[in-house]
């Protein structure tokens, strides 16, 4: 699906809008899902809330693995194994 397009929606009296189907598909949202509005001046982005939360977490965690001495998948696997052994002892 081409994600470069323009679409509009009418704002109803209570401030509600219906997100057009092609926009919902591009965001990967369905009925009951949440969206996040990111306001930057007069520009507003609408994003899938779950995707946005993961992106924020990734940004917040950037560099933390290296600080903990985890530089490869093998380091992570070893850390998990060691943690499980410690939990089993307790």
Protein backbone atom coordinates (compact mmCIF):
# COMPACT_ATOMS: atom_id res chain seq x y z
CA UNK A 1 0.00 0.00 0.00
CA UNK A 2 1.27 3.46 -0.87
CA UNK A 3 1.56 5.44 2.38
CA UNK A 4 2.07 8.81 0.67
CA UNK A 5 -1.41 10.29 0.28
CA UNK A 6 -3.66 13.07 1.52
CA UNK A 7 -7.06 12.53 3.09
CA UNK A 8 -9.43 14.63 5.14
CA UNK A 9 -12.20 14.15 7.67
CA UNK A 10 -14.96 16.36 9.01
CA UNK A 11 -14.84 17.44 12.66
CA UNK A 12 -18.21 16.82 14.30
CA UNK A 13 -19.82 19.02 16.98
CA UNK A 14 -18.19 17.11 19.86
CA UNK A 15 -14.74 17.29 18.20
CA UNK A 16 -14.92 13.72 16.94
CA UNK A 17 -13.68 12.58 13.57
CA UNK A 18 -13.82 9.29 11.70
CA UNK A 19 -10.36 8.23 10.62
CA UNK A 20 -10.62 7.28 6.94
CA UNK A 21 -10.12 3.59 6.16
CA UNK A 22 -6.90 4.09 4.17
CA UNK A 23 -5.43 6.10 7.05
CA UNK A 24 -6.41 3.40 9.59
CA UNK A 25 -4.78 0.79 7.35
CA UNK A 26 -1.60 2.88 7.03
CA UNK A 27 -1.46 3.27 10.83
CA UNK A 28 -2.27 -0.39 11.42
CA UNK A 29 -5.16 0.44 13.76
CA UNK A 30 -8.55 -1.16 14.13
CA UNK A 31 -11.67 -0.53 16.16
CA UNK A 32 -10.73 -0.19 19.83
CA UNK A 33 -7.06 0.62 19.18
CA UNK A 34 -5.56 3.88 20.40
CA UNK A 35 -3.86 6.62 18.42
CA UNK A 36 -1.52 9.33 19.67
CA UNK A 37 -1.59 12.93 18.47
CA UNK A 38 1.83 14.59 18.32
CA UNK A 39 1.47 18.38 18.06
CA UNK A 40 4.39 20.46 16.82
CA UNK A 41 3.30 24.05 16.30
CA UNK A 42 0.52 23.99 13.73
CA UNK A 43 1.42 20.47 12.54
CA UNK A 44 -0.16 17.36 14.01
CA UNK A 45 0.92 13.76 13.43
CA UNK A 46 -1.39 10.86 14.21
CA UNK A 47 0.44 7.65 15.09
CA UNK A 48 -0.43 4.18 16.33
CA UNK A 49 -0.11 4.47 20.13
CA UNK A 50 1.43 1.01 20.57
CA UNK A 51 4.09 1.69 17.93
CA UNK A 52 4.77 5.13 19.43
CA UNK A 53 5.20 3.65 22.92
CA UNK A 54 7.75 1.11 21.65
CA UNK A 55 9.64 3.85 19.79
CA UNK A 56 9.79 5.98 22.96
CA UNK A 57 11.00 3.02 25.02
CA UNK A 58 13.69 2.22 22.44
CA UNK A 59 14.88 5.83 22.52
CA UNK A 60 14.93 5.87 26.33
CA UNK A 61 16.84 2.58 26.48
CA UNK A 62 19.37 3.51 23.76
CA UNK A 63 22.87 2.84 25.09
CA UNK A 64 21.75 1.07 28.28
CA UNK A 65 22.85 -2.40 27.09
CA UNK A 66 26.37 -1.15 26.46
CA UNK A 67 26.42 0.50 29.92
CA UNK A 68 25.53 -2.92 31.36
CA UNK A 69 28.32 -4.61 29.38
CA UNK A 70 26.01 -6.28 26.86
CA UNK A 71 27.52 -5.91 23.40
CA UNK A 72 26.21 -8.96 21.53
CA UNK A 73 23.30 -11.38 21.48
CA UNK A 74 25.59 -13.90 23.16
CA UNK A 75 26.17 -11.43 26.03
CA UNK A 76 22.40 -11.05 26.44
CA UNK A 77 21.84 -14.83 26.35
CA UNK A 78 24.53 -15.33 28.99
CA UNK A 79 22.99 -12.60 31.17
CA UNK A 80 19.56 -14.26 30.92
CA UNK A 81 21.00 -17.68 31.79
CA UNK A 82 22.86 -16.25 34.79
CA UNK A 83 19.75 -14.37 35.99
CA UNK A 84 17.64 -17.52 35.80
CA UNK A 85 20.23 -19.47 37.78
CA UNK A 86 20.25 -16.79 40.46
CA UNK A 87 16.43 -16.85 40.64
CA UNK A 88 16.43 -20.65 40.97
CA UNK A 89 18.81 -20.44 43.93
CA UNK A 90 16.57 -17.97 45.76
